[in-house]
């Protein structure tokens, strides 16, 4: 009787695809890496999280739906 383990082959090596920064960084001259510290006020990131920021981008203006 064989048992289902959830994996196709337990001895098969784990395959991890490399991160291509070219897919993320479109404007290298205006892109920087931000690392959250415990003193920052940004709530969307946790301490020691990294964010890649493209300073050439600007948020789009959206219409308010209260008209």
PDB file of N, CA and C in Angstrom:
ATOM      1  N   UNK A   1       0.845  -1.172   0.000  1.00  0.00           N
ATOM      2  CA  UNK A   1       0.000   0.000   0.000  1.00  0.00           C
ATOM      3  C   UNK A   1       0.893   1.238   0.000  1.00  0.00           C
ATOM      4  N   UNK A   2       0.644   2.179  -0.905  1.00  0.00           N
ATOM      5  CA  UNK A   2       1.447   3.397  -0.933  1.00  0.00           C
ATOM      6  C   UNK A   2       0.654   4.544  -0.308  1.00  0.00           C
ATOM      7  N   UNK A   3       1.389   5.422   0.295  1.00  0.00           N
ATOM      8  CA  UNK A   3       0.763   6.581   0.947  1.00  0.00           C
ATOM      9  C   UNK A   3       0.983   7.823   0.094  1.00  0.00           C
ATOM     10  N   UNK A   4       0.013   8.685   0.066  1.00  0.00           N
ATOM     11  CA  UNK A   4       0.135   9.937  -0.667  1.00  0.00           C
ATOM     12  C   UNK A   4       0.847  10.940   0.233  1.00  0.00           C
ATOM     13  N   UNK A   5       1.968  11.495  -0.250  1.00  0.00           N
ATOM     14  CA  UNK A   5       2.753  12.431   0.569  1.00  0.00           C
ATOM     15  C   UNK A   5       2.517  13.884   0.181  1.00  0.00           C
ATOM     16  N   UNK A   6       1.927  14.130  -0.965  1.00  0.00           N
ATOM     17  CA  UNK A   6       1.703  15.508  -1.404  1.00  0.00           C
ATOM     18  C   UNK A   6       2.780  16.003  -2.343  1.00  0.00           C
ATOM     19  N   UNK A   7       3.871  15.256  -2.476  1.00  0.00           N
ATOM     20  CA  UNK A   7       4.949  15.648  -3.371  1.00  0.00           C
ATOM     21  C   UNK A   7       5.122  14.582  -4.439  1.00  0.00           C
ATOM     22  N   UNK A   8       5.433  15.028  -5.648  1.00  0.00           N
ATOM     23  CA  UNK A   8       5.625  14.101  -6.755  1.00  0.00           C
ATOM     24  C   UNK A   8       6.804  13.166  -6.474  1.00  0.00           C
ATOM     25  N   UNK A   9       7.902  13.711  -6.027  1.00  0.00           N
ATOM     26  CA  UNK A   9       9.099  12.928  -5.735  1.00  0.00           C
ATOM     27  C   UNK A   9       9.841  13.632  -4.603  1.00  0.00           C
ATOM     28  N   UNK A  10       9.933  13.026  -3.457  1.00  0.00           N
ATOM     29  CA  UNK A  10      10.553  13.674  -2.299  1.00  0.00           C
ATOM     30  C   UNK A  10      12.038  13.915  -2.489  1.00  0.00           C
ATOM     31  N   UNK A  11      12.684  13.148  -3.334  1.00  0.00           N
ATOM     32  CA  UNK A  11      14.122  13.313  -3.525  1.00  0.00           C
ATOM     33  C   UNK A  11      14.448  14.322  -4.618  1.00  0.00           C
ATOM     34  N   UNK A  12      13.434  14.824  -5.306  1.00  0.00           N
ATOM     35  CA  UNK A  12      13.645  15.787  -6.382  1.00  0.00           C
ATOM     36  C   UNK A  12      14.095  17.123  -5.792  1.00  0.00           C
ATOM     37  N   UNK A  13      15.116  17.696  -6.382  1.00  0.00           N
ATOM     38  CA  UNK A  13      15.669  18.962  -5.875  1.00  0.00           C
ATOM     39  C   UNK A  13      14.659  20.093  -6.041  1.00  0.00           C
ATOM     40  N   UNK A  14      14.663  21.004  -5.108  1.00  0.00           N
ATOM     41  CA  UNK A  14      13.792  22.168  -5.161  1.00  0.00           C
ATOM     42  C   UNK A  14      14.342  23.127  -6.202  1.00  0.00           C
ATOM     43  N   UNK A  15      13.507  23.584  -7.113  1.00  0.00           N
ATOM     44  CA  UNK A  15      13.922  24.479  -8.177  1.00  0.00           C
ATOM     45  C   UNK A  15      13.449  25.889  -7.856  1.00  0.00           C
ATOM     46  N   UNK A  16      14.388  26.803  -7.776  1.00  0.00           N
ATOM     47  CA  UNK A  16      14.060  28.202  -7.510  1.00  0.00           C
ATOM     48  C   UNK A  16      14.528  29.022  -8.695  1.00  0.00           C
ATOM     49  N   UNK A  17      13.617  29.829  -9.253  1.00  0.00           N
ATOM     50  CA  UNK A  17      13.959  30.644 -10.400  1.00  0.00           C
ATOM     51  C   UNK A  17      14.666  31.917  -9.944  1.00  0.00           C
ATOM     52  N   UNK A  18      15.722  32.333 -10.651  1.00  0.00           N
ATOM     53  CA  UNK A  18      16.435  33.551 -10.258  1.00  0.00           C
ATOM     54  C   UNK A  18      15.588  34.794 -10.506  1.00  0.00           C
ATOM     55  N   UNK A  19      15.774  35.790  -9.690  1.00  0.00           N
ATOM     56  CA  UNK A  19      15.081  37.065  -9.834  1.00  0.00           C
ATOM     57  C   UNK A  19      15.817  37.901 -10.865  1.00  0.00           C
ATOM     58  N   UNK A  20      15.100  38.390 -11.855  1.00  0.00           N
ATOM     59  CA  UNK A  20      15.687  39.232 -12.889  1.00  0.00           C
ATOM     60  C   UNK A  20      15.307  40.676 -12.589  1.00  0.00           C
ATOM     61  N   UNK A  21      16.278  41.459 -12.130  1.00  0.00           N
ATOM     62  CA  UNK A  21      15.983  42.853 -11.782  1.00  0.00           C
ATOM     63  C   UNK A  21      15.614  43.673 -13.008  1.00  0.00           C
ATOM     64  N   UNK A  22      15.952  43.209 -14.205  1.00  0.00           N
ATOM     65  CA  UNK A  22      15.552  43.892 -15.425  1.00  0.00           C
ATOM     66  C   UNK A  22      14.045  43.893 -15.611  1.00  0.00           C
ATOM     67  N   UNK A  23      13.361  42.913 -15.019  1.00  0.00           N
ATOM     68  CA  UNK A  23      11.897  42.879 -15.074  1.00  0.00           C
ATOM     69  C   UNK A  23      11.272  43.871 -14.106  1.00  0.00           C
ATOM     70  N   UNK A  24      12.035  44.310 -13.122  1.00  0.00           N
ATOM     71  CA  UNK A  24      11.511  45.194 -12.085  1.00  0.00           C
ATOM     72  C   UNK A  24      11.941  46.637 -12.315  1.00  0.00           C
ATOM     73  N   UNK A  25      13.202  46.835 -12.661  1.00  0.00           N
ATOM     74  CA  UNK A  25      13.770  48.183 -12.773  1.00  0.00           C
ATOM     75  C   UNK A  25      13.706  48.649 -14.221  1.00  0.00           C
ATOM     76  N   UNK A  26      12.877  49.661 -14.474  1.00  0.00           N
ATOM     77  CA  UNK A  26      12.711  50.189 -15.822  1.00  0.00           C
ATOM     78  C   UNK A  26      13.453  51.510 -16.017  1.00  0.00           C
ATOM     79  N   UNK A  27      13.728  52.229 -14.931  1.00  0.00           N
ATOM     80  CA  UNK A  27      14.451  53.506 -14.985  1.00  0.00           C
ATOM     81  C   UNK A  27      15.581  53.456 -13.954  1.00  0.00           C
ATOM     82  N   UNK A  28      16.713  52.833 -14.296  1.00  0.00           N
ATOM     83  CA  UNK A  28      17.783  52.630 -13.314  1.00  0.00           C
ATOM     84  C   UNK A  28      18.303  53.914 -12.673  1.00  0.00           C
ATOM     85  N   UNK A  29      18.335  55.022 -13.409  1.00  0.00           N
ATOM     86  CA  UNK A  29      18.877  56.261 -12.861  1.00  0.00           C
ATOM     87  C   UNK A  29      18.009  56.833 -11.745  1.00  0.00           C
ATOM     88  N   UNK A  30      16.734  56.505 -11.723  1.00  0.00           N
ATOM     89  CA  UNK A  30      15.844  57.058 -10.702  1.00  0.00           C
ATOM     90  C   UNK A  30      15.274  55.976  -9.781  1.00  0.00           C
ATOM     91  N   UNK A  31      15.928  54.835  -9.731  1.00  0.00           N
ATOM     92  CA  UNK A  31      15.464  53.726  -8.898  1.00  0.00           C
ATOM     93  C   UNK A  31      16.414  53.534  -7.726  1.00  0.00           C
ATOM     94  N   UNK A  32      15.838  53.348  -6.545  1.00  0.00           N
ATOM     95  CA  UNK A  32      16.664  53.087  -5.369  1.00  0.00           C
ATOM     96  C   UNK A  32      15.997  52.029  -4.507  1.00  0.00           C
ATOM     97  N   UNK A  33      16.780  51.437  -3.625  1.00  0.00           N
ATOM     98  CA  UNK A  33      16.262  50.422  -2.714  1.00  0.00           C
ATOM     99  C   UNK A  33      16.065  51.075  -1.357  1.00  0.00           C
ATOM    100  N   UNK A  34      14.861  50.958  -0.841  1.00  0.00           N
ATOM    101  CA  UNK A  34      14.506  51.515   0.462  1.00  0.00           C
ATOM    102  C   UNK A  34      14.431  50.361   1.454  1.00  0.00           C
ATOM    103  N   UNK A  35      15.106  50.506   2.577  1.00  0.00           N
ATOM    104  CA  UNK A  35      15.070  49.488   3.625  1.00  0.00           C
ATOM    105  C   UNK A  35      14.403  50.105   4.849  1.00  0.00           C
ATOM    106  N   UNK A  36      13.315  49.494   5.276  1.00  0.00           N
ATOM    107  CA  UNK A  36      12.537  49.990   6.417  1.00  0.00           C
ATOM    108  C   UNK A  36      13.335  49.806   7.710  1.00  0.00           C
ATOM    109  N   UNK A  37      13.367  50.838   8.527  1.00  0.00           N
ATOM    110  CA  UNK A  37      13.982  50.745   9.842  1.00  0.00           C
ATOM    111  C   UNK A  37      12.888  50.848  10.896  1.00  0.00           C
ATOM    112  N   UNK A  38      13.238  50.638  12.113  1.00  0.00           N
ATOM    113  CA  UNK A  38      12.219  50.685  13.170  1.00  0.00           C
ATOM    114  C   UNK A  38      11.725  52.089  13.450  1.00  0.00           C
ATOM    115  N   UNK A  39      12.403  53.106  12.925  1.00  0.00           N
ATOM    116  CA  UNK A  39      12.031  54.488  13.193  1.00  0.00           C
ATOM    117  C   UNK A  39      11.167  55.106  12.102  1.00  0.00           C
ATOM    118  N   UNK A  40      10.950  54.398  10.998  1.00  0.00           N
ATOM    119  CA  UNK A  40      10.146  54.926   9.899  1.00  0.00           C
ATOM    120  C   UNK A  40       8.667  54.839  10.223  1.00  0.00           C
ATOM    121  N   UNK A  41       7.876  55.716   9.593  1.00  0.00           N
ATOM    122  CA  UNK A  41       6.435  55.771   9.854  1.00  0.00           C
ATOM    123  C   UNK A  41       5.603  54.998   8.851  1.00  0.00           C
ATOM    124  N   UNK A  42       6.206  54.363   7.858  1.00  0.00           N
ATOM    125  CA  UNK A  42       5.452  53.670   6.821  1.00  0.00           C
ATOM    126  C   UNK A  42       4.905  52.356   7.361  1.00  0.00           C
ATOM    127  N   UNK A  43       3.592  52.246   7.420  1.00  0.00           N
ATOM    128  CA  UNK A  43       2.954  51.069   8.010  1.00  0.00           C
ATOM    129  C   UNK A  43       2.851  49.886   7.052  1.00  0.00           C
ATOM    130  N   UNK A  44       3.024  50.112   5.749  1.00  0.00           N
ATOM    131  CA  UNK A  44       2.869  49.025   4.789  1.00  0.00           C
ATOM    132  C   UNK A  44       4.070  48.082   4.771  1.00  0.00           C
ATOM    133  N   UNK A  45       5.184  48.526   5.323  1.00  0.00           N
ATOM    134  CA  UNK A  45       6.385  47.705   5.385  1.00  0.00           C
ATOM    135  C   UNK A  45       6.701  47.367   6.829  1.00  0.00           C
ATOM    136  N   UNK A  46       7.308  46.213   7.026  1.00  0.00           N
ATOM    137  CA  UNK A  46       7.771  45.830   8.359  1.00  0.00           C
ATOM    138  C   UNK A  46       9.253  46.151   8.481  1.00  0.00           C
ATOM    139  N   UNK A  47       9.762  46.140   9.678  1.00  0.00           N
ATOM    140  CA  UNK A  47      11.178  46.445   9.906  1.00  0.00           C
ATOM    141  C   UNK A  47      12.045  45.473   9.113  1.00  0.00           C
ATOM    142  N   UNK A  48      13.065  46.012   8.479  1.00  0.00           N
ATOM    143  CA  UNK A  48      14.029  45.289   7.637  1.00  0.00           C
ATOM    144  C   UNK A  48      13.459  44.821   6.302  1.00  0.00           C
ATOM    145  N   UNK A  49      12.226  45.206   5.939  1.00  0.00           N
ATOM    146  CA  UNK A  49      11.698  44.912   4.607  1.00  0.00           C
ATOM    147  C   UNK A  49      12.390  45.818   3.589  1.00  0.00           C
ATOM    148  N   UNK A  50      12.499  45.343   2.373  1.00  0.00           N
ATOM    149  CA  UNK A  50      13.082  46.112   1.281  1.00  0.00           C
ATOM    150  C   UNK A  50      11.981  46.495   0.298  1.00  0.00           C
ATOM    151  N   UNK A  51      12.115  47.666  -0.286  1.00  0.00           N
ATOM    152  CA  UNK A  51      11.204  48.105  -1.346  1.00  0.00           C
ATOM    153  C   UNK A  51      12.042  48.713  -2.458  1.00  0.00           C
ATOM    154  N   UNK A  52      11.736  48.367  -3.698  1.00  0.00           N
ATOM    155  CA  UNK A  52      12.402  48.976  -4.844  1.00  0.00           C
ATOM    156  C   UNK A  52      11.508  50.116  -5.302  1.00  0.00           C
ATOM    157  N   UNK A  53      12.038  51.338  -5.276  1.00  0.00           N
ATOM    158  CA  UNK A  53      11.257  52.541  -5.548  1.00  0.00           C
ATOM    159  C   UNK A  53      11.757  53.196  -6.827  1.00  0.00           C
ATOM    160  N   UNK A  54      10.847  53.413  -7.759  1.00  0.00           N
ATOM    161  CA  UNK A  54      11.153  54.137  -8.993  1.00  0.00           C
ATOM    162  C   UNK A  54      10.646  55.562  -8.814  1.00  0.00           C
ATOM    163  N   UNK A  55      11.564  56.483  -8.565  1.00  0.00           N
ATOM    164  CA  UNK A  55      11.192  57.875  -8.282  1.00  0.00           C
ATOM    165  C   UNK A  55      10.711  58.610  -9.525  1.00  0.00           C
ATOM    166  N   UNK A  56      10.851  58.009 -10.709  1.00  0.00           N
ATOM    167  CA  UNK A  56      10.374  58.676 -11.918  1.00  0.00           C
ATOM    168  C   UNK A  56       8.871  58.494 -12.111  1.00  0.00           C
ATOM    169  N   UNK A  57       8.272  57.580 -11.360  1.00  0.00           N
ATOM    170  CA  UNK A  57       6.838  57.329 -11.492  1.00  0.00           C
ATOM    171  C   UNK A  57       6.038  58.259 -10.590  1.00  0.00           C
ATOM    172  N   UNK A  58       4.873  58.624 -11.032  1.00  0.00           N
ATOM    173  CA  UNK A  58       3.981  59.475 -10.253  1.00  0.00           C
ATOM    174  C   UNK A  58       2.610  58.804 -10.196  1.00  0.00           C
ATOM    175  N   UNK A  59       1.906  58.929  -9.084  1.00  0.00           N
ATOM    176  CA  UNK A  59       0.571  58.318  -9.004  1.00  0.00           C
ATOM    177  C   UNK A  59      -0.388  58.971  -9.990  1.00  0.00           C
ATOM    178  N   UNK A  60      -1.286  58.176 -10.520  1.00  0.00           N
ATOM    179  CA  UNK A  60      -2.287  58.706 -11.440  1.00  0.00           C
ATOM    180  C   UNK A  60      -3.382  59.410 -10.662  1.00  0.00           C
ATOM    181  N   UNK A  61      -3.917  60.482 -11.259  1.00  0.00           N
ATOM    182  CA  UNK A  61      -5.036  61.182 -10.634  1.00  0.00           C
ATOM    183  C   UNK A  61      -6.297  60.370 -10.878  1.00  0.00           C
ATOM    184  N   UNK A  62      -7.095  60.215  -9.842  1.00  0.00           N
ATOM    185  CA  UNK A  62      -8.348  59.466  -9.956  1.00  0.00           C
ATOM    186  C   UNK A  62      -9.497  60.374  -9.596  1.00  0.00           C
ATOM    187  N   UNK A  63     -10.605  60.159 -10.287  1.00  0.00           N
ATOM    188  CA  UNK A  63     -11.801  60.942  -9.976  1.00  0.00           C
ATOM    189  C   UNK A  63     -12.431  60.397  -8.718  1.00  0.00           C
ATOM    190  N   UNK A  64     -12.918  61.298  -7.920  1.00  0.00           N
ATOM    191  CA  UNK A  64     -13.637  60.905  -6.723  1.00  0.00           C
ATOM    192  C   UNK A  64     -15.044  60.505  -7.139  1.00  0.00           C
ATOM    193  N   UNK A  65     -15.551  59.411  -6.599  1.00  0.00           N
ATOM    194  CA  UNK A  65     -16.880  58.903  -6.987  1.00  0.00           C
ATOM    195  C   UNK A  65     -18.003  59.522  -6.155  1.00  0.00           C
ATOM    196  N   UNK A  66     -17.785  60.688  -5.590  1.00  0.00           N
ATOM    197  CA  UNK A  66     -18.816  61.320  -4.781  1.00  0.00           C
ATOM    198  C   UNK A  66     -19.647  62.324  -5.580  1.00  0.00           C
ATOM    199  N   UNK A  67     -19.391  62.413  -6.919  1.00  0.00           N
ATOM    200  CA  UNK A  67     -20.128  63.374  -7.760  1.00  0.00           C
ATOM    201  C   UNK A  67     -21.603  63.036  -7.785  1.00  0.00           C
TER     202      UNK A  67
END
